[in-house]
Amino acid sequence: MKFSELNLESSLYAAIQKLGYDDCTPIQEQAIPPVLDGKDVAGLAQTGTGKTAAFVIPVMERILRARPAAGDISEEQKALIEKRAFKDWKPQNFILILVPTRELAEQVWENVQKLSTESGLRGFAIYGGTGYDKQKEALKNSVEFIVATPGRLIDLYKEHLVDLKQVRAIVFDEADRMFDMGFKDDMKFILQRVPRERQLLVFSATLNFDVLNTIYQFGSEPIEINISRDQAKAENVKDQIFHVGSDEKPQHLLSLLKVHNPKQAIIFTNFKMSVERLAKFLVDNNIPAMAISSLLTQAQRNRVIEQFKAENNMNILVATDVAARGLDIKGVDLVINYELPMDSESYVHRIGRTGRAGTTGQAFSLVGDKDIESLARIEDYLKHKIEVGYLENDQLIKEFKALSYRDEGHYSKSLDRARAPRERGGGDRERRPGGGGGDRGPRRDGEQRRNDNRGPRRDGDRDQQRSAQGGPRGPRPEHRRSENGPSASGPRRPDQRRHEGKRPEPRKHDNRTGGKGPQAPRHAGNKKHAPVMASKSLGSKITGFIKRLFS
């Protein structure tokens, strides 16, 4: 289907022509007509197939058709307006597009800007990591599109700067990723506050049960469009795995880049503390590379992306999954997974960074011992074995600077930040295997763990320390351990109380050795023994009395 066949509003169609779009992609061909009719849609298609335009174009058409018509219009145009236009569209109404990451928010906003050049529709991107002032200023003026990450949107809503009752259509882009990143409660919070009559659109490369269940929970019964029901990844991406040892990965990484000499490449790692370390390793071996992860500020991340998109020699980007769903760069022709991701969907999204818009791409994964379980899950998800590749001996680089695990300057500071306790929440959480603390890296020289080589404390050490500080400090709290054994529950017995008005003398030697200094208690050993023995003696007397009575 061609865009000319959709009978779009003239200013919108002019912008589409200016962008060079002529034929609809499969997801656009199937999703645009029902969206134009005002129906809810859940669209599933691989990355790079035009999902953004599949919801932006028809929603723009509905807004433009709601504008008052100028001059006389034909009966056909009246019927089209009646069918497509948002009913009673008001200046304060807007379309809300929710995305999981800041990069994707910028990406979608750019698409909105490009498609609205002729129509004058306005939009703004709202996300964390930047100041509130510009975002607040933009919201004071009416905009037709708000592209937002859930956290920042809710913050502005609670400050009464966003009126969710004005939402006429809500779009979840990469909805499954929002669930993966912990935004499920935020999505429900927003859905509870937008009108029930709104149009609901959900688009992603993968749709899991939780996403669809949440949609149905809020009264929507979307038309499900699945372009790739029998295939999980794009056809034009050739992926291979290389079975290597963990210590062989740096050599294979350099060798693959040398053999294929990509125009633009993205190298994915699971750990944000490894991003800059790998980038520095490549730079040290005369391969220009940049790094992007959540350790960077939003301004730094934007700068790295712009530099990567530009035509220069910095054509290799080392990234975590932060970039896996936010970058739409048509020139990427190679993706390398330095480690396999823990979940299968992330693998699909990673390799989907290449082979976009009809081009072909390659994706290589370095599979070590720790990646075997992930490989099994991915192949089960793809429903086929991934082709195994190999490098000839003469293709392997023999001499290179080794990958350093202790870097100086900016890189070591990043590692320090990565080792710090992780903050709760946040929109850019990188996944770590097992949900644990991740890869801490080696300890610095001279660094010791707490309590190393100290050994168990002896009872005499405490006494010596207390004597050195001026003798006993009076009665201990009752929850402390008794010097004669395990802590006693309840108050002291009279025979253990110190004499009032008399300062106790320092002990001459440890009571546990059998000595009886001035402070020696009446019962040596465990204080609980005396009452227990007394009760047994009384019991035996009673038993004997009963035996004698009935004998």
Protein backbone atom coordinates (compact mmCIF):
# COMPACT_ATOMS: atom_id res chain seq x y z
CA MET A 1 0.00 0.00 0.00
CA LYS A 2 1.15 3.54 -0.82
CA PHE A 3 0.60 6.57 1.42
CA SER A 4 -1.19 8.25 -1.48
CA GLU A 5 -3.95 5.65 -1.14
CA LEU A 6 -4.75 6.63 2.45
CA ASN A 7 -6.33 9.97 1.44
CA LEU A 8 -4.47 11.84 4.19
CA GLU A 9 -4.87 15.54 4.98
CA SER A 10 -2.84 17.63 2.52
CA SER A 11 -0.31 19.17 4.95
CA LEU A 12 0.40 15.77 6.53
CA TYR A 13 0.82 14.08 3.17
CA ALA A 14 3.19 16.87 2.07
CA ALA A 15 5.43 16.21 5.11
CA ILE A 16 5.44 12.47 4.32
CA GLN A 17 6.49 13.17 0.74
CA LYS A 18 9.24 15.51 1.94
CA LEU A 19 10.66 12.68 4.06
CA GLY A 20 10.73 10.43 0.99
CA TYR A 21 8.15 7.95 2.27
CA ASP A 22 6.19 6.32 -0.54
CA ASP A 23 5.24 2.74 0.32
CA CYS A 24 3.87 1.69 3.70
CA THR A 25 5.80 -0.94 5.65
CA PRO A 26 3.81 -4.06 6.67
CA ILE A 27 3.13 -2.76 10.20
CA GLN A 28 2.04 0.61 8.81
CA GLU A 29 -0.22 -0.99 6.21
CA GLN A 30 -2.05 -3.05 8.82
CA ALA A 31 -2.06 -0.58 11.75
CA ILE A 32 -2.86 2.81 10.16
CA PRO A 33 -6.42 2.03 8.87
CA PRO A 34 -7.85 0.81 12.23
CA VAL A 35 -6.14 3.68 14.09
CA LEU A 36 -7.74 6.12 11.63
CA ASP A 37 -11.09 4.55 12.51
CA GLY A 38 -10.50 5.30 16.20
CA LYS A 39 -9.98 1.70 17.28
CA ASP A 40 -7.52 0.44 19.89
CA VAL A 41 -4.53 -1.41 18.44
CA ALA A 42 -1.77 -3.66 19.82
CA GLY A 43 0.94 -3.89 17.17
CA LEU A 44 3.81 -6.37 17.20
CA ALA A 45 6.70 -6.04 14.74
CA GLN A 46 10.49 -6.14 14.72
CA THR A 47 12.54 -3.05 15.35
CA GLY A 48 13.31 -0.87 12.37
CA THR A 49 10.03 -1.59 10.57
CA GLY A 50 8.43 1.84 10.97
CA LYS A 51 6.37 1.34 14.15
CA THR A 52 6.70 5.00 15.19
CA ALA A 53 5.18 6.30 11.96
CA ALA A 54 2.49 3.60 12.26
CA PHE A 55 0.96 5.44 15.22
CA VAL A 56 2.11 9.05 14.73
CA ILE A 57 0.72 9.46 11.17
CA PRO A 58 -2.85 8.25 11.83
CA VAL A 59 -3.15 10.13 15.13
CA MET A 60 -1.98 13.33 13.40
CA GLU A 61 -4.57 12.72 10.70
CA ARG A 62 -7.31 12.48 13.34
CA ILE A 63 -6.24 15.77 14.95
CA LEU A 64 -6.03 17.61 11.62
CA ARG A 65 -9.46 16.35 10.55
CA ALA A 66 -10.88 17.74 13.79
CA ARG A 67 -9.89 21.28 12.80
CA PRO A 68 -12.63 23.49 11.35
CA ALA A 69 -12.72 23.06 7.57
CA ALA A 70 -11.96 26.14 5.46
CA GLY A 71 -14.42 26.84 2.65
CA ASP A 72 -16.79 24.42 0.99
CA ILE A 73 -15.99 20.73 1.21
CA SER A 74 -17.39 17.80 -0.70
CA GLU A 75 -19.71 15.18 0.72
CA GLU A 76 -16.82 12.71 0.51
CA GLN A 77 -14.64 14.97 2.66
CA LYS A 78 -17.47 15.42 5.16
CA ALA A 79 -17.83 11.65 5.46
CA LEU A 80 -14.07 11.30 5.94
CA ILE A 81 -14.05 13.96 8.68
CA GLU A 82 -16.99 12.32 10.38
CA LYS A 83 -15.23 8.98 10.37
CA ARG A 84 -11.69 10.00 11.34
CA ALA A 85 -11.74 13.21 13.38
CA PHE A 86 -11.49 13.28 17.17
CA LYS A 87 -14.93 14.31 18.37
CA ASP A 88 -15.03 17.70 20.10
CA TRP A 89 -11.25 18.20 20.00
CA LYS A 90 -10.32 21.15 22.24
CA PRO A 91 -7.10 23.25 22.25
CA GLN A 92 -6.07 21.82 25.63
CA ASN A 93 -6.43 18.20 24.45
CA PHE A 94 -3.28 16.25 23.60
CA ILE A 95 -1.88 12.86 22.62
CA LEU A 96 0.30 11.14 25.25
CA ILE A 97 3.13 8.87 24.06
CA LEU A 98 4.87 6.94 26.84
CA VAL A 99 8.34 5.47 26.30
CA PRO A 100 10.77 3.64 28.62
CA THR A 101 13.99 5.64 28.02
CA ARG A 102 15.14 9.19 27.46
CA GLU A 103 16.78 8.29 24.17
CA LEU A 104 13.55 6.84 22.81
CA ALA A 105 11.65 9.93 23.98
CA GLU A 106 14.00 12.10 21.92
CA GLN A 107 13.70 9.72 18.97
CA VAL A 108 9.90 9.76 18.90
CA TRP A 109 9.78 13.53 19.41
CA GLU A 110 12.07 14.01 16.42
CA ASN A 111 9.67 11.92 14.31
CA VAL A 112 6.73 14.04 15.49
CA GLN A 113 8.62 17.19 14.53
CA LYS A 114 9.46 15.88 11.05
CA LEU A 115 5.89 14.83 10.32
CA SER A 116 4.38 18.11 11.57
CA THR A 117 6.55 20.56 9.59
CA GLU A 118 3.67 21.47 7.23
CA SER A 119 0.72 21.20 9.61
CA GLY A 120 2.00 23.24 12.55
CA LEU A 121 1.25 20.58 15.17
CA ARG A 122 3.44 20.92 18.24
CA GLY A 123 4.98 18.45 20.61
CA PHE A 124 7.46 18.25 23.47
CA ALA A 125 9.57 15.54 25.11
CA ILE A 126 9.47 15.15 28.90
CA TYR A 127 12.00 12.93 30.67
CA GLY A 128 14.26 12.80 33.71
CA GLY A 129 17.92 13.74 33.91
CA THR A 130 17.27 17.32 32.75
CA GLY A 131 15.92 20.46 34.37
CA TYR A 132 12.22 21.10 34.91
CA ASP A 133 12.14 24.72 33.73
CA LYS A 134 11.95 24.16 29.95
CA GLN A 135 9.47 21.34 30.37
CA LYS A 136 7.23 23.43 32.62
CA GLU A 137 7.40 26.33 30.16
CA ALA A 138 6.44 24.06 27.25
CA LEU A 139 3.45 22.71 29.17
CA LYS A 140 2.10 26.20 29.80
CA ASN A 141 1.58 26.50 26.05
CA SER A 142 -0.83 24.09 24.42
CA VAL A 143 0.86 21.18 22.63
CA GLU A 144 -0.78 18.39 20.68
CA PHE A 145 1.83 15.75 21.53
CA ILE A 146 3.60 14.96 24.80
CA VAL A 147 6.30 12.28 24.58
CA ALA A 148 7.29 11.27 28.09
CA THR A 149 8.95 8.76 30.36
CA PRO A 150 6.54 7.68 33.14
CA GLY A 151 8.54 8.93 36.13
CA ARG A 152 8.95 12.55 35.06
CA LEU A 153 5.36 12.71 33.76
CA ILE A 154 3.99 11.62 37.13
CA ASP A 155 6.19 14.21 38.89
CA LEU A 156 4.74 16.98 36.73
CA TYR A 157 1.23 15.62 37.16
CA LYS A 158 1.57 15.77 40.94
CA GLU A 159 2.62 19.42 40.59
CA HIS A 160 -0.60 20.01 38.62
CA LEU A 161 1.33 20.95 35.47
CA VAL A 162 -0.13 18.11 33.36
CA ASP A 163 -3.87 17.46 33.20
CA LEU A 164 -4.26 13.79 32.28
CA LYS A 165 -8.00 14.31 31.81
CA GLN A 166 -7.14 16.07 28.53
CA VAL A 167 -5.59 12.95 26.98
CA ARG A 168 -7.51 11.83 23.88
CA ALA A 169 -5.19 9.00 22.88
CA ILE A 170 -2.42 7.24 24.80
CA VAL A 171 0.40 5.32 23.12
CA PHE A 172 2.75 2.85 24.83
CA ASP A 173 5.87 2.50 22.72
CA GLU A 174 8.08 -0.47 23.72
CA ALA A 175 5.51 -1.41 26.36
CA ASP A 176 7.22 -4.68 27.33
CA ARG A 177 10.42 -2.79 28.04
CA MET A 178 8.52 -0.55 30.46
CA PHE A 179 7.40 -3.63 32.36
CA ASP A 180 10.97 -4.98 32.35
CA MET A 181 12.24 -1.70 33.78
CA GLY A 182 9.71 -1.64 36.62
CA PHE A 183 7.21 0.87 35.22
CA LYS A 184 4.18 -1.41 35.57
CA ASP A 185 2.77 0.50 38.56
CA ASP A 186 3.45 3.83 36.84
CA MET A 187 1.57 2.68 33.74
CA LYS A 188 -1.41 1.68 35.87
CA PHE A 189 -1.24 4.99 37.76
CA ILE A 190 -1.48 6.90 34.47
CA LEU A 191 -4.20 4.69 32.96
CA GLN A 192 -6.33 5.20 36.05
CA ARG A 193 -6.25 8.97 35.50
CA VAL A 194 -6.83 9.34 31.77
CA PRO A 195 -10.42 9.27 30.43
CA ARG A 196 -11.92 5.84 29.78
CA GLU A 197 -12.98 7.00 26.29
CA ARG A 198 -9.39 7.54 25.14
CA GLN A 199 -7.87 5.64 22.25
CA LEU A 200 -5.21 3.16 23.39
CA LEU A 201 -2.32 2.07 21.16
CA VAL A 202 0.45 -0.36 22.12
CA PHE A 203 3.47 -1.03 19.91
CA SER A 204 6.55 -3.13 20.52
CA ALA A 205 8.87 -5.74 19.05
CA THR A 206 7.65 -8.21 21.69
CA LEU A 207 4.40 -8.28 23.66
CA ASN A 208 4.21 -10.37 26.80
CA PHE A 209 1.19 -11.53 28.78
CA ASP A 210 1.52 -8.83 31.47
CA VAL A 211 1.27 -6.04 28.90
CA LEU A 212 -1.87 -7.41 27.24
CA ASN A 213 -3.41 -8.29 30.61
CA THR A 214 -2.94 -4.69 31.80
CA ILE A 215 -4.54 -3.35 28.62
CA TYR A 216 -7.60 -5.59 29.02
CA GLN A 217 -7.78 -4.70 32.71
CA PHE A 218 -8.45 -1.06 31.78
CA GLY A 219 -11.34 -1.79 29.47
CA SER A 220 -9.54 -1.97 26.14
CA GLU A 221 -10.04 -4.73 23.59
CA PRO A 222 -7.43 -3.86 20.97
CA ILE A 223 -7.10 -5.23 17.49
CA GLU A 224 -3.97 -7.39 17.67
CA ILE A 225 -1.61 -7.01 14.72
CA ASN A 226 1.34 -9.38 14.60
CA ILE A 227 3.62 -8.96 11.60
CA SER A 228 6.08 -11.59 12.81
CA ARG A 229 4.13 -14.30 14.58
CA ASP A 230 6.45 -17.05 13.34
CA GLN A 231 9.69 -15.12 13.45
CA ALA A 232 11.20 -13.30 16.38
CA LYS A 233 13.86 -11.28 14.60
CA ALA A 234 14.16 -9.41 11.32
CA GLU A 235 14.99 -11.45 8.22
CA ASN A 236 17.66 -9.04 7.02
CA VAL A 237 19.90 -9.52 10.09
CA LYS A 238 22.41 -12.37 9.89
CA ASP A 239 23.46 -13.42 13.40
CA GLN A 240 26.26 -15.76 14.44
CA ILE A 241 27.80 -16.90 17.70
CA PHE A 242 31.49 -17.45 18.46
CA HIS A 243 32.35 -19.92 21.22
CA VAL A 244 35.35 -18.43 23.02
CA GLY A 245 36.83 -18.41 26.48
CA SER A 246 36.30 -15.35 28.65
CA ASP A 247 39.96 -14.37 28.31
CA GLU A 248 39.69 -14.69 24.51
CA LYS A 249 36.85 -12.22 24.13
CA PRO A 250 39.04 -9.07 23.84
CA GLN A 251 41.11 -10.67 21.05
CA HIS A 252 37.99 -11.77 19.14
CA LEU A 253 36.38 -8.37 19.56
CA LEU A 254 39.38 -6.64 17.94
CA SER A 255 39.64 -9.30 15.24
CA LEU A 256 35.95 -9.10 14.25
CA LEU A 257 36.16 -5.33 13.94
CA LYS A 258 39.30 -5.64 11.83
CA VAL A 259 37.87 -8.33 9.53
CA HIS A 260 34.50 -6.67 8.89
CA ASN A 261 35.58 -3.01 9.15
CA PRO A 262 32.04 -1.69 9.83
CA LYS A 263 30.88 1.82 8.95
CA GLN A 264 28.99 2.00 12.23
CA ALA A 265 28.97 -0.63 14.96
CA ILE A 266 27.42 -1.03 18.40
CA ILE A 267 29.05 -3.28 21.02
CA PHE A 268 26.72 -4.36 23.83
CA THR A 269 27.78 -5.37 27.32
CA ASN A 270 25.62 -6.35 30.29
CA PHE A 271 27.48 -4.25 32.84
CA LYS A 272 27.64 -0.46 32.87
CA MET A 273 31.00 -0.53 34.66
CA SER A 274 32.40 -2.41 31.65
CA VAL A 275 31.26 0.12 29.05
CA GLU A 276 34.05 2.67 29.38
CA ARG A 277 36.60 -0.06 30.10
CA LEU A 278 35.83 -1.66 26.72
CA ALA A 279 35.79 1.74 24.98
CA LYS A 280 39.21 2.55 26.41
CA PHE A 281 40.49 -0.90 25.36
CA LEU A 282 39.46 -0.18 21.77
CA VAL A 283 40.96 3.32 21.82
CA ASP A 284 44.22 1.92 23.22
CA ASN A 285 44.32 -0.39 20.20
CA ASN A 286 43.77 2.45 17.71
CA ILE A 287 40.05 1.84 17.18
CA PRO A 288 38.09 5.04 17.92
CA ALA A 289 35.14 4.25 20.18
CA MET A 290 32.64 6.00 22.44
CA ALA A 291 30.73 4.82 25.50
CA ILE A 292 27.13 5.36 26.62
CA SER A 293 25.44 4.12 29.79
CA SER A 294 23.35 5.47 32.66
CA LEU A 295 26.58 6.57 34.39
CA LEU A 296 26.58 9.57 32.02
CA THR A 297 24.36 12.60 32.48
CA GLN A 298 21.60 13.16 29.98
CA ALA A 299 23.56 15.99 28.33
CA GLN A 300 26.58 13.69 27.93
CA ARG A 301 24.42 10.92 26.50
CA ASN A 302 22.85 13.28 23.97
CA ARG A 303 26.31 14.47 22.95
CA VAL A 304 27.57 10.91 22.45
CA ILE A 305 24.55 9.96 20.33
CA GLU A 306 24.88 13.04 18.13
CA GLN A 307 28.58 12.35 17.62
CA PHE A 308 27.84 8.71 16.77
CA LYS A 309 25.18 9.70 14.23
CA ALA A 310 27.48 12.22 12.53
CA GLU A 311 29.90 11.22 9.78
CA ASN A 312 33.29 10.96 11.49
CA ASN A 313 35.81 8.36 12.58
CA MET A 314 34.03 7.79 15.92
CA ASN A 315 31.86 5.09 14.42
CA ILE A 316 31.88 2.49 17.22
CA LEU A 317 29.62 2.78 20.24
CA VAL A 318 29.95 0.64 23.39
CA ALA A 319 26.62 0.51 25.20
CA THR A 320 24.36 -1.26 27.65
CA ASP A 321 20.71 -2.03 26.96
CA VAL A 322 19.96 1.65 27.62
CA ALA A 323 20.71 2.13 23.91
CA ALA A 324 19.12 -1.11 22.73
CA ARG A 325 15.70 0.42 22.24
CA GLY A 326 16.33 4.12 21.84
CA LEU A 327 18.61 4.45 18.84
CA ASP A 328 17.23 4.58 15.31
CA ILE A 329 20.38 4.92 13.22
CA LYS A 330 20.05 3.54 9.74
CA GLY A 331 23.80 3.26 9.12
CA VAL A 332 24.58 0.64 11.77
CA ASP A 333 25.81 -2.42 9.89
CA LEU A 334 27.32 -4.48 12.74
CA VAL A 335 26.28 -5.38 16.29
CA ILE A 336 28.52 -7.36 18.66
CA ASN A 337 27.29 -8.82 21.94
CA TYR A 338 30.33 -8.93 24.23
CA GLU A 339 28.08 -10.91 26.60
CA LEU A 340 24.71 -12.41 25.81
CA PRO A 341 21.80 -10.67 27.55
CA MET A 342 19.95 -12.52 30.28
CA ASP A 343 16.53 -12.30 28.60
CA SER A 344 15.71 -13.32 25.05
CA GLU A 345 13.77 -10.18 24.15
CA SER A 346 16.82 -8.02 24.78
CA TYR A 347 18.75 -10.12 22.26
CA VAL A 348 16.12 -9.36 19.62
CA HIS A 349 16.24 -5.66 20.38
CA ARG A 350 20.02 -5.54 20.42
CA ILE A 351 20.53 -7.15 17.03
CA GLY A 352 17.60 -5.08 15.74
CA ARG A 353 19.83 -2.00 15.87
CA THR A 354 21.24 -3.17 12.54
CA GLY A 355 19.43 -4.12 9.34
CA ARG A 356 16.98 -1.23 9.67
CA ALA A 357 14.73 0.25 6.98
CA GLY A 358 15.33 -2.56 4.52
CA THR A 359 19.14 -2.64 4.79
CA THR A 360 21.11 -5.74 5.71
CA GLY A 361 23.17 -6.13 8.86
CA GLN A 362 25.28 -8.57 10.85
CA ALA A 363 25.18 -9.46 14.52
CA PHE A 364 27.89 -11.45 16.30
CA SER A 365 27.82 -12.76 19.88
CA LEU A 366 30.84 -13.84 21.93
CA VAL A 367 29.67 -16.83 23.96
CA GLY A 368 31.74 -17.83 26.97
CA ASP A 369 31.11 -20.26 29.82
CA LYS A 370 28.85 -17.77 31.62
CA ASP A 371 26.73 -17.21 28.50
CA ILE A 372 25.67 -20.83 27.91
CA GLU A 373 22.40 -20.62 29.87
CA SER A 374 21.45 -17.37 28.12
CA LEU A 375 22.20 -18.97 24.75
CA ALA A 376 19.83 -21.84 25.51
CA ARG A 377 17.02 -19.43 26.40
CA ILE A 378 17.60 -17.31 23.30
CA GLU A 379 17.62 -20.29 20.91
CA ASP A 380 14.47 -21.62 22.54
CA TYR A 381 12.82 -18.22 22.02
CA LEU A 382 13.97 -17.97 18.40
CA LYS A 383 12.93 -21.62 17.80
CA HIS A 384 16.14 -22.38 15.93
CA LYS A 385 19.85 -22.78 16.55
CA ILE A 386 22.03 -19.75 15.88
CA GLU A 387 24.74 -20.32 13.30
CA VAL A 388 28.20 -20.87 14.78
CA GLY A 389 30.97 -18.77 13.27
CA TYR A 390 34.74 -18.93 13.63
CA LEU A 391 37.83 -16.94 12.75
CA GLU A 392 40.79 -18.41 10.95
CA ASN A 393 44.11 -18.33 12.77
CA ASP A 394 45.50 -15.70 10.42
CA GLN A 395 42.44 -13.47 11.10
CA LEU A 396 43.14 -13.32 14.82
CA ILE A 397 45.11 -10.30 15.99
CA LYS A 398 48.15 -11.57 17.87
CA GLU A 399 49.65 -8.36 19.26
CA PHE A 400 47.47 -5.86 21.08
CA LYS A 401 47.25 -3.97 24.34
CA ALA A 402 45.45 -6.10 26.91
CA LEU A 403 42.08 -5.21 28.36
CA SER A 404 42.77 -3.50 31.68
CA TYR A 405 40.66 -4.20 34.74
CA ARG A 406 42.09 -1.21 36.62
CA ASP A 407 41.86 2.04 34.71
CA GLU A 408 42.97 5.47 35.76
CA GLY A 409 41.29 8.85 35.60
CA HIS A 410 37.76 9.13 34.29
CA TYR A 411 37.38 5.41 33.74
CA SER A 412 38.30 4.41 37.28
CA LYS A 413 35.92 7.07 38.63
CA SER A 414 33.15 5.48 36.61
CA LEU A 415 34.02 2.12 38.11
CA ASP A 416 33.94 3.66 41.59
CA ARG A 417 30.50 5.08 40.91
CA ALA A 418 29.36 1.72 39.60
CA ARG A 419 30.56 -0.03 42.77
CA ALA A 420 28.63 2.39 44.96
CA PRO A 421 25.27 1.24 46.36
CA ARG A 422 22.59 1.49 43.69
CA GLU A 423 19.84 4.02 44.22
CA ARG A 424 16.26 2.82 44.34
CA GLY A 425 14.08 3.55 41.29
CA GLY A 426 15.29 5.44 38.22
CA GLY A 427 14.39 5.11 34.54
CA ASP A 428 17.58 3.54 33.25
CA ARG A 429 18.26 0.49 35.22
CA GLU A 430 20.72 -1.95 33.68
CA ARG A 431 19.95 -5.61 34.24
CA ARG A 432 22.52 -7.70 36.13
CA PRO A 433 22.67 -11.47 36.13
CA GLY A 434 20.84 -12.95 39.08
CA GLY A 435 19.77 -9.53 40.29
CA GLY A 436 22.91 -9.32 42.42
CA GLY A 437 25.57 -6.72 42.82
CA GLY A 438 27.05 -7.25 39.38
CA ASP A 439 30.68 -7.27 38.40
CA ARG A 440 32.63 -5.50 41.12
CA GLY A 441 35.97 -5.97 39.47
CA PRO A 442 39.28 -6.65 41.25
CA ARG A 443 40.20 -5.00 44.52
CA ARG A 444 42.66 -2.17 44.44
CA ASP A 445 46.21 -2.75 45.59
CA GLY A 446 46.51 -2.46 49.32
CA GLU A 447 42.77 -2.56 49.83
CA GLN A 448 41.57 -4.90 52.56
CA ARG A 449 38.13 -6.11 53.38
CA ARG A 450 36.70 -5.06 56.67
CA ASN A 451 37.84 -7.18 59.62
CA ASP A 452 40.47 -9.01 57.53
CA ASN A 453 43.21 -10.79 59.60
CA ARG A 454 41.69 -9.68 62.88
CA GLY A 455 40.60 -13.09 64.12
CA PRO A 456 38.06 -13.72 66.87
CA ARG A 457 38.10 -11.39 69.84
CA ARG A 458 39.15 -12.99 73.11
CA ASP A 459 37.27 -12.27 76.31
CA GLY A 460 40.46 -11.03 77.89
CA ASP A 461 40.83 -8.40 75.16
CA ARG A 462 37.60 -6.75 76.24
CA ASP A 463 38.69 -6.75 79.86
CA GLN A 464 42.09 -5.29 79.03
CA GLN A 465 40.50 -2.61 76.86
CA ARG A 466 38.02 -1.71 79.58
CA SER A 467 40.80 -1.57 82.21
CA ALA A 468 42.86 0.67 79.95
CA GLN A 469 39.90 3.07 79.68
CA GLY A 470 39.56 3.45 83.41
CA GLY A 471 38.03 0.32 84.80
CA PRO A 472 34.51 -1.04 84.61
CA ARG A 473 31.77 1.28 83.33
CA GLY A 474 28.96 0.07 85.56
CA PRO A 475 26.18 -2.38 84.78
CA ARG A 476 25.84 -3.53 81.22
CA PRO A 477 22.56 -3.38 79.31
CA GLU A 478 20.75 -6.65 79.84
CA HIS A 479 20.86 -7.62 76.16
CA ARG A 480 24.67 -7.77 76.26
CA ARG A 481 26.49 -11.09 76.56
CA SER A 482 27.29 -12.12 80.14
CA GLU A 483 30.93 -12.54 81.00
CA ASN A 484 30.14 -15.96 82.49
CA GLY A 485 28.29 -17.43 79.52
CA PRO A 486 25.36 -16.80 77.17
CA SER A 487 23.20 -13.75 77.74
CA ALA A 488 20.69 -14.16 80.55
CA SER A 489 17.08 -13.33 79.89
CA GLY A 490 15.24 -11.24 82.47
CA PRO A 491 16.66 -9.13 85.32
CA ARG A 492 19.70 -10.08 87.40
CA ARG A 493 19.17 -12.40 90.32
CA PRO A 494 19.90 -10.99 93.76
CA ASP A 495 23.08 -13.03 94.05
CA GLN A 496 24.44 -11.32 90.91
CA ARG A 497 23.74 -7.70 91.87
CA ARG A 498 26.65 -5.47 92.80
CA HIS A 499 26.71 -3.91 96.30
CA GLU A 500 25.31 -0.41 96.23
CA GLY A 501 27.67 2.35 97.18
CA LYS A 502 30.78 0.24 96.68
CA ARG A 503 32.91 0.63 93.58
CA PRO A 504 33.79 -2.87 92.37
CA GLU A 505 37.44 -3.72 92.23
CA PRO A 506 39.04 -4.77 88.96
CA ARG A 507 39.03 -8.50 88.41
CA LYS A 508 42.33 -10.27 88.97
CA HIS A 509 41.76 -12.94 86.39
CA ASP A 510 39.06 -14.45 84.20
CA ASN A 511 36.21 -16.09 86.11
CA ARG A 512 35.86 -18.75 83.42
CA THR A 513 39.22 -20.26 84.41
CA GLY A 514 37.85 -21.11 87.84
CA GLY A 515 39.35 -18.21 89.79
CA LYS A 516 37.18 -16.33 92.30
CA GLY A 517 38.14 -12.69 92.46
CA PRO A 518 36.17 -10.00 94.29
CA GLN A 519 33.58 -9.90 91.47
CA ALA A 520 33.24 -13.65 91.01
CA PRO A 521 29.57 -14.64 90.91
CA ARG A 522 28.22 -17.24 93.28
CA HIS A 523 27.66 -19.81 90.52
CA ALA A 524 30.52 -20.43 88.13
CA GLY A 525 29.67 -21.26 84.56
CA ASN A 526 26.25 -20.61 83.06
CA LYS A 527 23.98 -18.56 85.32
CA LYS A 528 20.98 -20.56 84.18
CA HIS A 529 22.34 -23.79 85.64
CA ALA A 530 21.50 -23.10 89.32
CA PRO A 531 17.71 -22.67 88.96
CA VAL A 532 17.51 -25.59 86.50
CA MET A 533 19.31 -27.91 88.94
CA ALA A 534 17.09 -26.75 91.83
CA SER A 535 13.93 -27.46 89.87
CA LYS A 536 15.20 -30.96 89.00
CA SER A 537 15.98 -31.67 92.65
CA LEU A 538 12.44 -30.61 93.68
CA GLY A 539 10.94 -32.73 90.89
CA SER A 540 12.86 -35.81 91.95
CA LYS A 541 11.65 -35.32 95.55
CA ILE A 542 8.02 -35.13 94.40
CA THR A 543 8.47 -38.22 92.21
CA GLY A 544 9.96 -40.14 95.07
CA PHE A 545 7.15 -39.04 97.39
CA ILE A 546 4.49 -40.27 94.93
CA LYS A 547 6.24 -43.61 94.50
CA ARG A 548 6.37 -44.11 98.24
CA LEU A 549 2.73 -43.08 98.58
CA PHE A 550 1.42 -45.64 96.07
CA SER A 551 3.94 -48.43 96.62
